[in-house]
Amino acid sequence: MNDRENTIHDLIIIGSGAAGLAAAVYAGRYRMKVLVIGEEFGGETATAGSIENYPGFEKVEGYELMNLMRKQAEALNTEVIDEKVTKIEKQEHCFQIVAGDKTYKANTIIFAVGTERRLLNLPNEKELKGRGVHYCITCDGPIYSGETIAIVGGGDASVKGVNLAAEYAKKVYLIVRDKEVKAEPINYEQMQKLGDKVEVLLETGIKEIVGKDRLEKLILSRPHRESNELVVSALFVEIGALPNIELAKSLGVELDERGYIKVDNMMKTNVDGVFAAGDTVNHFESFKQDITAAAMGAVAATSAYEDHKIHGELCQPHARPSSNK
């Protein structure tokens, strides 16, 4: 076991998106010994493309914003590692976190693990993932320069996706199950300015994803121009996300009625020493933004600091939880 594994951290933050990195900045300023462990650096924000509503930045790329937060946290002696946490155990007020092939200890933890993209759960969807079916327009949109693509959604994320994809694609179809598109007015107005390059199919679903080695076409729930078939080079799925709650559940953390981690106004869970922030929490319901995630991270770090002042001495080197090998 190396020195880092022997170290007892005051706080380990699981997740390196806006919530996790904001928590790291605040915890660092409290002079806590902090480790951030994130499977995908920057979370959803890192792949969000251009952000124009984060205070202090007229316009900033999501990945750049996350890098700036990371540097700010690291300047306060926070360590950030890219790894997946696979297991957490609790003994008294001491946590043992397994990530990769290493184990770490902490007095307190913050879950800032965000969400996972919802799937259409259609046959062929998983088989064609990365071969015409995608879940990140920022990542994969440029691949389809000059081609025809479809985006399924109907919320603000899908409209922002249309606006971004229109920079590359020849034609973009937005497939919307509901009777109307629900997006921020400024993003919707930008989409309308794209004219014939974008076509919105309302009250329409996708019944089938057709293709053997690559996506070939979509079968729609209702005809478009007298045909239920829509030939496209790519389909981008933007139908929301589900919170990552399995690790929290393993510790006995309570969930709310919608399946998100349940917290009070100070981001405390029902388990001593465990806090949560960001999209894995439903604190602001469907309003999930980088600024609200960062705010929750700051509050969670403050609560973790107050908790550590009371219980920090309980997690001693000799009190190592048993390891299941």
C-alpha atoms as a PDB file:
ATOM      1  CA  MET A   1       0.000   0.000   0.000  1.00  0.00           C
ATOM      2  CA  ASN A   2       1.458   3.373  -0.976  1.00  0.00           C
ATOM      3  CA  ASP A   3       1.597   6.595   1.065  1.00  0.00           C
ATOM      4  CA  ARG A   4      -1.511   7.984  -0.617  1.00  0.00           C
ATOM      5  CA  GLU A   5      -3.504   4.934   0.425  1.00  0.00           C
ATOM      6  CA  ASN A   6      -2.158   5.193   4.007  1.00  0.00           C
ATOM      7  CA  THR A   7      -3.232   8.828   4.173  1.00  0.00           C
ATOM      8  CA  ILE A   8      -6.474   9.580   5.948  1.00  0.00           C
ATOM      9  CA  HIS A   9      -8.166  12.364   3.990  1.00  0.00           C
ATOM     10  CA  ASP A  10     -10.444  14.809   5.719  1.00  0.00           C
ATOM     11  CA  LEU A  11     -12.728  14.615   2.682  1.00  0.00           C
ATOM     12  CA  ILE A  12     -12.976  12.494  -0.434  1.00  0.00           C
ATOM     13  CA  ILE A  13     -15.202  13.847  -3.196  1.00  0.00           C
ATOM     14  CA  ILE A  14     -16.547  11.304  -5.661  1.00  0.00           C
ATOM     15  CA  GLY A  15     -17.102  13.057  -8.965  1.00  0.00           C
ATOM     16  CA  SER A  16     -15.057  15.724 -10.751  1.00  0.00           C
ATOM     17  CA  GLY A  17     -17.756  17.814 -12.424  1.00  0.00           C
ATOM     18  CA  ALA A  18     -18.919  21.295 -11.442  1.00  0.00           C
ATOM     19  CA  ALA A  19     -20.298  20.175  -8.062  1.00  0.00           C
ATOM     20  CA  GLY A  20     -17.285  18.093  -7.109  1.00  0.00           C
ATOM     21  CA  LEU A  21     -14.670  20.654  -8.130  1.00  0.00           C
ATOM     22  CA  ALA A  22     -16.535  23.542  -6.490  1.00  0.00           C
ATOM     23  CA  ALA A  23     -16.690  21.464  -3.304  1.00  0.00           C
ATOM     24  CA  ALA A  24     -12.938  20.869  -3.615  1.00  0.00           C
ATOM     25  CA  VAL A  25     -12.240  24.601  -3.900  1.00  0.00           C
ATOM     26  CA  TYR A  26     -14.254  25.391  -0.773  1.00  0.00           C
ATOM     27  CA  ALA A  27     -12.863  22.453   1.192  1.00  0.00           C
ATOM     28  CA  GLY A  28      -9.344  23.472   0.189  1.00  0.00           C
ATOM     29  CA  ARG A  29      -9.963  26.964   1.496  1.00  0.00           C
ATOM     30  CA  TYR A  30     -11.052  25.353   4.785  1.00  0.00           C
ATOM     31  CA  ARG A  31      -7.591  23.737   4.802  1.00  0.00           C
ATOM     32  CA  MET A  32      -9.034  20.252   4.612  1.00  0.00           C
ATOM     33  CA  LYS A  33      -6.972  17.433   3.128  1.00  0.00           C
ATOM     34  CA  VAL A  34      -9.028  16.660   0.027  1.00  0.00           C
ATOM     35  CA  LEU A  35      -8.977  14.017  -2.689  1.00  0.00           C
ATOM     36  CA  VAL A  36     -11.266  14.159  -5.728  1.00  0.00           C
ATOM     37  CA  ILE A  37     -11.905  10.892  -7.575  1.00  0.00           C
ATOM     38  CA  GLY A  38     -13.791  11.165 -10.867  1.00  0.00           C
ATOM     39  CA  GLU A  39     -14.390   8.523 -13.504  1.00  0.00           C
ATOM     40  CA  GLU A  40     -14.796  11.110 -16.283  1.00  0.00           C
ATOM     41  CA  PHE A  41     -13.147  14.445 -15.616  1.00  0.00           C
ATOM     42  CA  GLY A  42     -15.543  17.371 -15.826  1.00  0.00           C
ATOM     43  CA  GLY A  43     -18.670  15.221 -16.013  1.00  0.00           C
ATOM     44  CA  GLU A  44     -21.418  16.436 -18.334  1.00  0.00           C
ATOM     45  CA  THR A  45     -20.023  19.977 -18.331  1.00  0.00           C
ATOM     46  CA  ALA A  46     -16.786  18.891 -20.001  1.00  0.00           C
ATOM     47  CA  THR A  47     -18.768  17.732 -23.047  1.00  0.00           C
ATOM     48  CA  ALA A  48     -21.318  20.546 -23.050  1.00  0.00           C
ATOM     49  CA  GLY A  49     -19.609  22.651 -25.683  1.00  0.00           C
ATOM     50  CA  SER A  50     -19.961  26.408 -25.395  1.00  0.00           C
ATOM     51  CA  ILE A  51     -21.459  27.752 -22.142  1.00  0.00           C
ATOM     52  CA  GLU A  52     -22.879  31.276 -22.137  1.00  0.00           C
ATOM     53  CA  ASN A  53     -24.733  31.481 -18.800  1.00  0.00           C
ATOM     54  CA  TYR A  54     -22.025  30.901 -16.192  1.00  0.00           C
ATOM     55  CA  PRO A  55     -21.466  34.167 -14.283  1.00  0.00           C
ATOM     56  CA  GLY A  56     -18.159  35.834 -15.038  1.00  0.00           C
ATOM     57  CA  PHE A  57     -17.843  34.273 -18.493  1.00  0.00           C
ATOM     58  CA  GLU A  58     -19.554  35.738 -21.520  1.00  0.00           C
ATOM     59  CA  LYS A  59     -18.702  32.506 -23.323  1.00  0.00           C
ATOM     60  CA  VAL A  60     -16.546  29.560 -22.255  1.00  0.00           C
ATOM     61  CA  GLU A  61     -16.073  25.971 -23.400  1.00  0.00           C
ATOM     62  CA  GLY A  62     -17.293  23.473 -20.814  1.00  0.00           C
ATOM     63  CA  TYR A  63     -13.995  21.576 -20.717  1.00  0.00           C
ATOM     64  CA  GLU A  64     -12.074  24.824 -20.255  1.00  0.00           C
ATOM     65  CA  LEU A  65     -14.342  25.838 -17.354  1.00  0.00           C
ATOM     66  CA  MET A  66     -13.763  22.478 -15.639  1.00  0.00           C
ATOM     67  CA  ASN A  67     -10.004  22.796 -16.157  1.00  0.00           C
ATOM     68  CA  LEU A  68     -10.044  26.221 -14.537  1.00  0.00           C
ATOM     69  CA  MET A  69     -11.930  24.817 -11.540  1.00  0.00           C
ATOM     70  CA  ARG A  70      -9.477  21.925 -11.313  1.00  0.00           C
ATOM     71  CA  LYS A  71      -6.460  24.240 -11.336  1.00  0.00           C
ATOM     72  CA  GLN A  72      -8.075  26.396  -8.651  1.00  0.00           C
ATOM     73  CA  ALA A  73      -8.660  23.337  -6.470  1.00  0.00           C
ATOM     74  CA  GLU A  74      -5.158  21.977  -7.058  1.00  0.00           C
ATOM     75  CA  ALA A  75      -3.663  25.346  -6.080  1.00  0.00           C
ATOM     76  CA  LEU A  76      -5.299  24.711  -2.688  1.00  0.00           C
ATOM     77  CA  ASN A  77      -3.480  21.353  -2.375  1.00  0.00           C
ATOM     78  CA  THR A  78      -6.394  19.232  -3.555  1.00  0.00           C
ATOM     79  CA  GLU A  79      -5.462  16.128  -5.504  1.00  0.00           C
ATOM     80  CA  VAL A  80      -7.651  15.111  -8.463  1.00  0.00           C
ATOM     81  CA  ILE A  81      -7.399  11.622  -9.946  1.00  0.00           C
ATOM     82  CA  ASP A  82      -9.258  10.058 -12.867  1.00  0.00           C
ATOM     83  CA  GLU A  83     -10.551   6.711 -11.673  1.00  0.00           C
ATOM     84  CA  LYS A  84     -13.812   4.870 -11.052  1.00  0.00           C
ATOM     85  CA  VAL A  85     -14.918   4.246  -7.478  1.00  0.00           C
ATOM     86  CA  THR A  86     -16.236   0.701  -7.273  1.00  0.00           C
ATOM     87  CA  LYS A  87     -16.847   0.190  -3.567  1.00  0.00           C
ATOM     88  CA  ILE A  88     -17.313   2.134  -0.331  1.00  0.00           C
ATOM     89  CA  GLU A  89     -17.399   0.739   3.197  1.00  0.00           C
ATOM     90  CA  LYS A  90     -18.134   2.569   6.452  1.00  0.00           C
ATOM     91  CA  GLN A  91     -16.956   1.740   9.959  1.00  0.00           C
ATOM     92  CA  GLU A  92     -17.980   4.144  12.680  1.00  0.00           C
ATOM     93  CA  HIS A  93     -17.122   7.552  11.184  1.00  0.00           C
ATOM     94  CA  CYS A  94     -14.476   6.270   8.799  1.00  0.00           C
ATOM     95  CA  PHE A  95     -14.884   5.495   5.100  1.00  0.00           C
ATOM     96  CA  GLN A  96     -12.869   3.128   2.932  1.00  0.00           C
ATOM     97  CA  ILE A  97     -13.102   3.904  -0.795  1.00  0.00           C
ATOM     98  CA  VAL A  98     -11.929   1.482  -3.477  1.00  0.00           C
ATOM     99  CA  ALA A  99     -10.969   3.039  -6.824  1.00  0.00           C
ATOM    100  CA  GLY A 100      -9.143   1.020  -9.441  1.00  0.00           C
ATOM    101  CA  ASP A 101      -6.680  -1.213  -7.591  1.00  0.00           C
ATOM    102  CA  LYS A 102      -6.201   1.205  -4.693  1.00  0.00           C
ATOM    103  CA  THR A 103      -8.031   1.902  -1.439  1.00  0.00           C
ATOM    104  CA  TYR A 104      -8.341   5.284   0.256  1.00  0.00           C
ATOM    105  CA  LYS A 105      -9.633   6.431   3.643  1.00  0.00           C
ATOM    106  CA  ALA A 106     -11.620   9.512   4.569  1.00  0.00           C
ATOM    107  CA  ASN A 107     -13.432  11.090   7.487  1.00  0.00           C
ATOM    108  CA  THR A 108     -16.201  12.451   5.250  1.00  0.00           C
ATOM    109  CA  ILE A 109     -17.357  11.971   1.668  1.00  0.00           C
ATOM    110  CA  ILE A 110     -19.357  13.952  -0.856  1.00  0.00           C
ATOM    111  CA  PHE A 111     -21.230  12.236  -3.659  1.00  0.00           C
ATOM    112  CA  ALA A 112     -21.056  14.471  -6.743  1.00  0.00           C
ATOM    113  CA  VAL A 113     -21.369  11.668  -9.255  1.00  0.00           C
ATOM    114  CA  GLY A 114     -23.956  13.252 -11.531  1.00  0.00           C
ATOM    115  CA  THR A 115     -26.171  11.241 -13.829  1.00  0.00           C
ATOM    116  CA  GLU A 116     -26.109   8.700 -16.639  1.00  0.00           C
ATOM    117  CA  ARG A 117     -27.758   9.324 -20.005  1.00  0.00           C
ATOM    118  CA  ARG A 118     -31.157   7.732 -20.526  1.00  0.00           C
ATOM    119  CA  LEU A 119     -31.389   5.170 -23.307  1.00  0.00           C
ATOM    120  CA  LEU A 120     -34.220   4.637 -25.750  1.00  0.00           C
ATOM    121  CA  ASN A 121     -34.052   0.937 -24.824  1.00  0.00           C
ATOM    122  CA  LEU A 122     -34.706  -0.126 -28.391  1.00  0.00           C
ATOM    123  CA  PRO A 123     -33.329  -3.246 -30.083  1.00  0.00           C
ATOM    124  CA  ASN A 124     -30.082  -2.502 -31.926  1.00  0.00           C
ATOM    125  CA  GLU A 125     -29.397   0.619 -29.828  1.00  0.00           C
ATOM    126  CA  LYS A 126     -26.475  -0.823 -27.870  1.00  0.00           C
ATOM    127  CA  GLU A 127     -25.142  -2.735 -30.870  1.00  0.00           C
ATOM    128  CA  LEU A 128     -24.922   0.474 -32.926  1.00  0.00           C
ATOM    129  CA  LYS A 129     -23.559   2.685 -30.153  1.00  0.00           C
ATOM    130  CA  GLY A 130     -20.636   4.572 -31.635  1.00  0.00           C
ATOM    131  CA  ARG A 131     -21.609   3.373 -35.110  1.00  0.00           C
ATOM    132  CA  GLY A 132     -24.295   5.917 -35.799  1.00  0.00           C
ATOM    133  CA  VAL A 133     -25.986   6.019 -32.389  1.00  0.00           C
ATOM    134  CA  HIS A 134     -24.456   8.565 -30.010  1.00  0.00           C
ATOM    135  CA  TYR A 135     -25.113  10.350 -26.711  1.00  0.00           C
ATOM    136  CA  CYS A 136     -22.760  13.334 -26.916  1.00  0.00           C
ATOM    137  CA  ILE A 137     -23.171  15.852 -29.723  1.00  0.00           C
ATOM    138  CA  THR A 138     -20.127  17.837 -28.616  1.00  0.00           C
ATOM    139  CA  CYS A 139     -17.965  14.716 -28.760  1.00  0.00           C
ATOM    140  CA  ASP A 140     -19.252  13.099 -31.932  1.00  0.00           C
ATOM    141  CA  GLY A 141     -21.161  15.760 -33.892  1.00  0.00           C
ATOM    142  CA  PRO A 142     -18.164  16.897 -35.988  1.00  0.00           C
ATOM    143  CA  ILE A 143     -17.810  13.351 -37.367  1.00  0.00           C
ATOM    144  CA  TYR A 144     -20.954  13.939 -39.437  1.00  0.00           C
ATOM    145  CA  SER A 145     -19.886  17.089 -41.232  1.00  0.00           C
ATOM    146  CA  GLY A 146     -22.022  17.598 -44.331  1.00  0.00           C
ATOM    147  CA  GLU A 147     -24.385  14.732 -43.493  1.00  0.00           C
ATOM    148  CA  THR A 148     -27.993  14.356 -42.316  1.00  0.00           C
ATOM    149  CA  ILE A 149     -28.535  13.514 -38.658  1.00  0.00           C
ATOM    150  CA  ALA A 150     -31.381  13.225 -36.154  1.00  0.00           C
ATOM    151  CA  ILE A 151     -31.605  14.261 -32.516  1.00  0.00           C
ATOM    152  CA  VAL A 152     -34.287  12.776 -30.301  1.00  0.00           C
ATOM    153  CA  GLY A 153     -35.328  14.865 -27.316  1.00  0.00           C
ATOM    154  CA  GLY A 154     -37.444  17.942 -26.884  1.00  0.00           C
ATOM    155  CA  GLY A 155     -35.862  19.718 -23.929  1.00  0.00           C
ATOM    156  CA  ASP A 156     -33.270  22.450 -23.750  1.00  0.00           C
ATOM    157  CA  ALA A 157     -30.334  20.036 -24.089  1.00  0.00           C
ATOM    158  CA  SER A 158     -31.645  18.713 -27.391  1.00  0.00           C
ATOM    159  CA  VAL A 159     -32.185  22.228 -28.777  1.00  0.00           C
ATOM    160  CA  LYS A 160     -28.665  23.237 -27.786  1.00  0.00           C
ATOM    161  CA  GLY A 161     -27.551  20.066 -29.520  1.00  0.00           C
ATOM    162  CA  VAL A 162     -29.353  21.086 -32.691  1.00  0.00           C
ATOM    163  CA  ASN A 163     -27.683  24.489 -32.640  1.00  0.00           C
ATOM    164  CA  LEU A 164     -24.276  22.899 -32.248  1.00  0.00           C
ATOM    165  CA  ALA A 165     -24.846  20.121 -34.792  1.00  0.00           C
ATOM    166  CA  ALA A 166     -26.035  22.645 -37.382  1.00  0.00           C
ATOM    167  CA  GLU A 167     -22.473  23.957 -37.536  1.00  0.00           C
ATOM    168  CA  TYR A 168     -21.407  20.635 -39.053  1.00  0.00           C
ATOM    169  CA  ALA A 169     -24.386  18.753 -40.453  1.00  0.00           C
ATOM    170  CA  LYS A 170     -26.141  19.389 -43.744  1.00  0.00           C
ATOM    171  CA  LYS A 171     -29.570  18.705 -42.221  1.00  0.00           C
ATOM    172  CA  VAL A 172     -30.801  18.132 -38.659  1.00  0.00           C
ATOM    173  CA  TYR A 173     -34.084  16.500 -37.657  1.00  0.00           C
ATOM    174  CA  LEU A 174     -35.300  17.076 -34.090  1.00  0.00           C
ATOM    175  CA  ILE A 175     -37.653  14.259 -33.109  1.00  0.00           C
ATOM    176  CA  VAL A 176     -39.973  15.282 -30.269  1.00  0.00           C
ATOM    177  CA  ARG A 177     -42.452  12.958 -28.585  1.00  0.00           C
ATOM    178  CA  ASP A 178     -44.551  15.800 -27.132  1.00  0.00           C
ATOM    179  CA  LYS A 179     -46.675  18.484 -28.782  1.00  0.00           C
ATOM    180  CA  GLU A 180     -44.091  21.205 -28.273  1.00  0.00           C
ATOM    181  CA  VAL A 181     -40.406  21.850 -27.686  1.00  0.00           C
ATOM    182  CA  LYS A 182     -39.502  22.945 -24.166  1.00  0.00           C
ATOM    183  CA  ALA A 183     -36.309  24.971 -24.200  1.00  0.00           C
ATOM    184  CA  GLU A 184     -34.858  28.250 -23.006  1.00  0.00           C
ATOM    185  CA  PRO A 185     -36.212  31.007 -25.278  1.00  0.00           C
ATOM    186  CA  ILE A 186     -32.756  32.191 -26.329  1.00  0.00           C
ATOM    187  CA  ASN A 187     -31.766  28.682 -27.466  1.00  0.00           C
ATOM    188  CA  TYR A 188     -35.094  28.082 -29.191  1.00  0.00           C
ATOM    189  CA  GLU A 189     -34.837  31.400 -31.044  1.00  0.00           C
ATOM    190  CA  GLN A 190     -31.335  30.482 -32.197  1.00  0.00           C
ATOM    191  CA  MET A 191     -32.672  27.188 -33.570  1.00  0.00           C
ATOM    192  CA  GLN A 192     -35.472  28.968 -35.437  1.00  0.00           C
ATOM    193  CA  LYS A 193     -32.907  31.177 -37.168  1.00  0.00           C
ATOM    194  CA  LEU A 194     -31.406  28.084 -38.770  1.00  0.00           C
ATOM    195  CA  GLY A 195     -34.393  27.892 -41.108  1.00  0.00           C
ATOM    196  CA  ASP A 196     -34.794  24.879 -43.391  1.00  0.00           C
ATOM    197  CA  LYS A 197     -31.583  23.329 -42.138  1.00  0.00           C
ATOM    198  CA  VAL A 198     -33.567  22.116 -39.125  1.00  0.00           C
ATOM    199  CA  GLU A 199     -36.850  20.238 -39.228  1.00  0.00           C
ATOM    200  CA  VAL A 200     -38.817  19.532 -36.038  1.00  0.00           C
ATOM    201  CA  LEU A 201     -41.018  16.432 -35.999  1.00  0.00           C
ATOM    202  CA  LEU A 202     -43.541  16.886 -33.173  1.00  0.00           C
ATOM    203  CA  GLU A 203     -45.584  14.101 -31.561  1.00  0.00           C
ATOM    204  CA  THR A 204     -43.207  11.599 -33.095  1.00  0.00           C
ATOM    205  CA  GLY A 205     -41.294   8.724 -31.564  1.00  0.00           C
ATOM    206  CA  ILE A 206     -38.706   6.243 -32.799  1.00  0.00           C
ATOM    207  CA  LYS A 207     -40.003   2.693 -33.133  1.00  0.00           C
ATOM    208  CA  GLU A 208     -36.930   1.031 -34.604  1.00  0.00           C
ATOM    209  CA  ILE A 209     -33.231   1.661 -35.182  1.00  0.00           C
ATOM    210  CA  VAL A 210     -32.242  -0.083 -38.397  1.00  0.00           C
ATOM    211  CA  GLY A 211     -28.746  -1.067 -39.411  1.00  0.00           C
ATOM    212  CA  LYS A 212     -26.373  -4.018 -39.420  1.00  0.00           C
ATOM    213  CA  ASP A 213     -22.837  -2.659 -39.120  1.00  0.00           C
ATOM    214  CA  ARG A 214     -23.871   1.007 -38.980  1.00  0.00           C
ATOM    215  CA  LEU A 215     -27.051   3.000 -38.535  1.00  0.00           C
ATOM    216  CA  GLU A 216     -28.990   3.099 -41.801  1.00  0.00           C
ATOM    217  CA  LYS A 217     -32.384   4.541 -40.952  1.00  0.00           C
ATOM    218  CA  LEU A 218     -35.021   5.129 -38.278  1.00  0.00           C
ATOM    219  CA  ILE A 219     -38.590   3.847 -38.238  1.00  0.00           C
ATOM    220  CA  LEU A 220     -40.870   6.592 -36.928  1.00  0.00           C
ATOM    221  CA  SER A 221     -44.117   6.227 -35.004  1.00  0.00           C
ATOM    222  CA  ARG A 222     -45.921   8.406 -37.553  1.00  0.00           C
ATOM    223  CA  PRO A 223     -45.296   9.262 -41.206  1.00  0.00           C
ATOM    224  CA  HIS A 224     -43.046  12.093 -42.256  1.00  0.00           C
ATOM    225  CA  ARG A 225     -43.617  13.122 -45.879  1.00  0.00           C
ATOM    226  CA  GLU A 226     -45.732  10.001 -46.396  1.00  0.00           C
ATOM    227  CA  SER A 227     -43.098   7.606 -45.057  1.00  0.00           C
ATOM    228  CA  ASN A 228     -42.327   6.153 -41.630  1.00  0.00           C
ATOM    229  CA  GLU A 229     -38.696   5.707 -42.637  1.00  0.00           C
ATOM    230  CA  LEU A 230     -36.140   8.448 -41.966  1.00  0.00           C
ATOM    231  CA  VAL A 231     -32.717   7.899 -43.519  1.00  0.00           C
ATOM    232  CA  VAL A 232     -29.970   9.525 -41.441  1.00  0.00           C
ATOM    233  CA  SER A 233     -26.261   9.027 -40.883  1.00  0.00           C
ATOM    234  CA  ALA A 234     -26.480   9.446 -37.116  1.00  0.00           C
ATOM    235  CA  LEU A 235     -28.904   9.549 -34.210  1.00  0.00           C
ATOM    236  CA  PHE A 236     -28.084  11.547 -31.078  1.00  0.00           C
ATOM    237  CA  VAL A 237     -30.105  10.645 -27.983  1.00  0.00           C
ATOM    238  CA  GLU A 238     -30.905  13.609 -25.690  1.00  0.00           C
ATOM    239  CA  ILE A 239     -33.780  12.392 -23.512  1.00  0.00           C
ATOM    240  CA  GLY A 240     -32.463  13.238 -20.078  1.00  0.00           C
ATOM    241  CA  ALA A 241     -30.520  11.313 -17.486  1.00  0.00           C
ATOM    242  CA  LEU A 242     -30.824   9.197 -14.346  1.00  0.00           C
ATOM    243  CA  PRO A 243     -28.892   9.836 -11.102  1.00  0.00           C
ATOM    244  CA  ASN A 244     -25.938   7.616 -10.207  1.00  0.00           C
ATOM    245  CA  ILE A 245     -27.029   6.304  -6.829  1.00  0.00           C
ATOM    246  CA  GLU A 246     -25.702   2.728  -6.499  1.00  0.00           C
ATOM    247  CA  LEU A 247     -22.682   3.636  -4.355  1.00  0.00           C
ATOM    248  CA  ALA A 248     -24.798   5.832  -2.098  1.00  0.00           C
ATOM    249  CA  LYS A 249     -27.388   3.070  -1.715  1.00  0.00           C
ATOM    250  CA  SER A 250     -24.658   0.660  -0.618  1.00  0.00           C
ATOM    251  CA  LEU A 251     -24.090   2.902   2.419  1.00  0.00           C
ATOM    252  CA  GLY A 252     -27.787   3.067   3.262  1.00  0.00           C
ATOM    253  CA  VAL A 253     -28.279   6.623   1.960  1.00  0.00           C
ATOM    254  CA  GLU A 254     -31.966   7.462   1.561  1.00  0.00           C
ATOM    255  CA  LEU A 255     -33.395   8.405  -1.826  1.00  0.00           C
ATOM    256  CA  ASP A 256     -36.277  10.753  -2.544  1.00  0.00           C
ATOM    257  CA  GLU A 257     -39.487   9.784  -4.340  1.00  0.00           C
ATOM    258  CA  ARG A 258     -37.830  10.325  -7.742  1.00  0.00           C
ATOM    259  CA  GLY A 259     -34.769   8.217  -6.991  1.00  0.00           C
ATOM    260  CA  TYR A 260     -32.296  11.033  -6.297  1.00  0.00           C
ATOM    261  CA  ILE A 261     -30.108  11.216  -3.180  1.00  0.00           C
ATOM    262  CA  LYS A 262     -32.146  12.835  -0.425  1.00  0.00           C
ATOM    263  CA  VAL A 263     -30.468  15.779   1.308  1.00  0.00           C
ATOM    264  CA  ASP A 264     -31.424  18.621   3.609  1.00  0.00           C
ATOM    265  CA  ASN A 265     -30.717  22.282   2.865  1.00  0.00           C
ATOM    266  CA  MET A 266     -27.073  21.812   3.877  1.00  0.00           C
ATOM    267  CA  MET A 267     -26.588  18.836   1.544  1.00  0.00           C
ATOM    268  CA  LYS A 268     -26.512  16.328   4.407  1.00  0.00           C
ATOM    269  CA  THR A 269     -27.787  12.802   3.838  1.00  0.00           C
ATOM    270  CA  ASN A 270     -29.234  10.542   6.505  1.00  0.00           C
ATOM    271  CA  VAL A 271     -25.805   8.883   6.974  1.00  0.00           C
ATOM    272  CA  ASP A 272     -23.309  10.651   9.235  1.00  0.00           C
ATOM    273  CA  GLY A 273     -20.347  11.984   7.296  1.00  0.00           C
ATOM    274  CA  VAL A 274     -22.015  11.581   3.899  1.00  0.00           C
ATOM    275  CA  PHE A 275     -23.059  14.560   1.799  1.00  0.00           C
ATOM    276  CA  ALA A 276     -24.235  14.964  -1.791  1.00  0.00           C
ATOM    277  CA  ALA A 277     -24.355  17.705  -4.426  1.00  0.00           C
ATOM    278  CA  GLY A 278     -24.991  18.323  -8.099  1.00  0.00           C
ATOM    279  CA  ASP A 279     -27.207  16.423 -10.514  1.00  0.00           C
ATOM    280  CA  THR A 280     -27.372  13.351  -8.291  1.00  0.00           C
ATOM    281  CA  VAL A 281     -29.512  15.533  -5.988  1.00  0.00           C
ATOM    282  CA  ASN A 282     -32.957  16.826  -6.948  1.00  0.00           C
ATOM    283  CA  HIS A 283     -32.642  19.960  -4.807  1.00  0.00           C
ATOM    284  CA  PHE A 284     -33.724  22.294  -7.603  1.00  0.00           C
ATOM    285  CA  GLU A 285     -35.889  19.682  -9.324  1.00  0.00           C
ATOM    286  CA  SER A 286     -35.505  19.779 -13.118  1.00  0.00           C
ATOM    287  CA  PHE A 287     -33.428  22.988 -13.040  1.00  0.00           C
ATOM    288  CA  LYS A 288     -29.936  21.507 -13.280  1.00  0.00           C
ATOM    289  CA  GLN A 289     -27.222  23.968 -14.224  1.00  0.00           C
ATOM    290  CA  ASP A 290     -23.502  24.330 -13.627  1.00  0.00           C
ATOM    291  CA  ILE A 291     -24.103  27.256 -11.304  1.00  0.00           C
ATOM    292  CA  THR A 292     -26.596  25.334  -9.140  1.00  0.00           C
ATOM    293  CA  ALA A 293     -24.274  22.305  -9.076  1.00  0.00           C
ATOM    294  CA  ALA A 294     -21.360  24.500  -8.002  1.00  0.00           C
ATOM    295  CA  ALA A 295     -23.497  26.154  -5.321  1.00  0.00           C
ATOM    296  CA  MET A 296     -24.515  22.778  -3.897  1.00  0.00           C
ATOM    297  CA  GLY A 297     -20.882  21.687  -3.938  1.00  0.00           C
ATOM    298  CA  ALA A 298     -19.882  24.738  -1.909  1.00  0.00           C
ATOM    299  CA  VAL A 299     -22.614  24.039   0.651  1.00  0.00           C
ATOM    300  CA  ALA A 300     -21.718  20.336   0.862  1.00  0.00           C
ATOM    301  CA  ALA A 301     -18.055  21.199   1.484  1.00  0.00           C
ATOM    302  CA  THR A 302     -19.044  23.591   4.263  1.00  0.00           C
ATOM    303  CA  SER A 303     -21.154  20.897   5.917  1.00  0.00           C
ATOM    304  CA  ALA A 304     -18.336  18.365   5.557  1.00  0.00           C
ATOM    305  CA  TYR A 305     -15.955  20.839   7.214  1.00  0.00           C
ATOM    306  CA  GLU A 306     -18.292  21.347  10.170  1.00  0.00           C
ATOM    307  CA  ASP A 307     -18.730  17.586  10.500  1.00  0.00           C
ATOM    308  CA  HIS A 308     -14.983  16.980  10.311  1.00  0.00           C
ATOM    309  CA  LYS A 309     -14.335  19.422  13.152  1.00  0.00           C
ATOM    310  CA  ILE A 310     -16.512  17.246  15.389  1.00  0.00           C
ATOM    311  CA  HIS A 311     -15.725  13.724  14.188  1.00  0.00           C
ATOM    312  CA  GLY A 312     -12.333  14.034  12.476  1.00  0.00           C
ATOM    313  CA  GLU A 313     -10.392  12.207  15.192  1.00  0.00           C
ATOM    314  CA  LEU A 314     -12.585   9.107  14.962  1.00  0.00           C
ATOM    315  CA  CYS A 315     -10.944   7.842  11.778  1.00  0.00           C
ATOM    316  CA  GLN A 316      -7.523   6.687  12.977  1.00  0.00           C
ATOM    317  CA  PRO A 317      -4.888   4.648  11.125  1.00  0.00           C
ATOM    318  CA  HIS A 318      -5.464   1.649  13.387  1.00  0.00           C
ATOM    319  CA  ALA A 319      -9.240   1.728  12.754  1.00  0.00           C
ATOM    320  CA  ARG A 320      -9.055   0.338   9.246  1.00  0.00           C
ATOM    321  CA  PRO A 321     -12.290  -1.386   8.151  1.00  0.00           C
ATOM    322  CA  SER A 322     -11.834  -5.042   7.296  1.00  0.00           C
ATOM    323  CA  SER A 323     -11.025  -5.774   3.651  1.00  0.00           C
ATOM    324  CA  ASN A 324     -12.967  -8.401   1.751  1.00  0.00           C
ATOM    325  CA  LYS A 325     -10.420 -10.275  -0.340  1.00  0.00           C
END
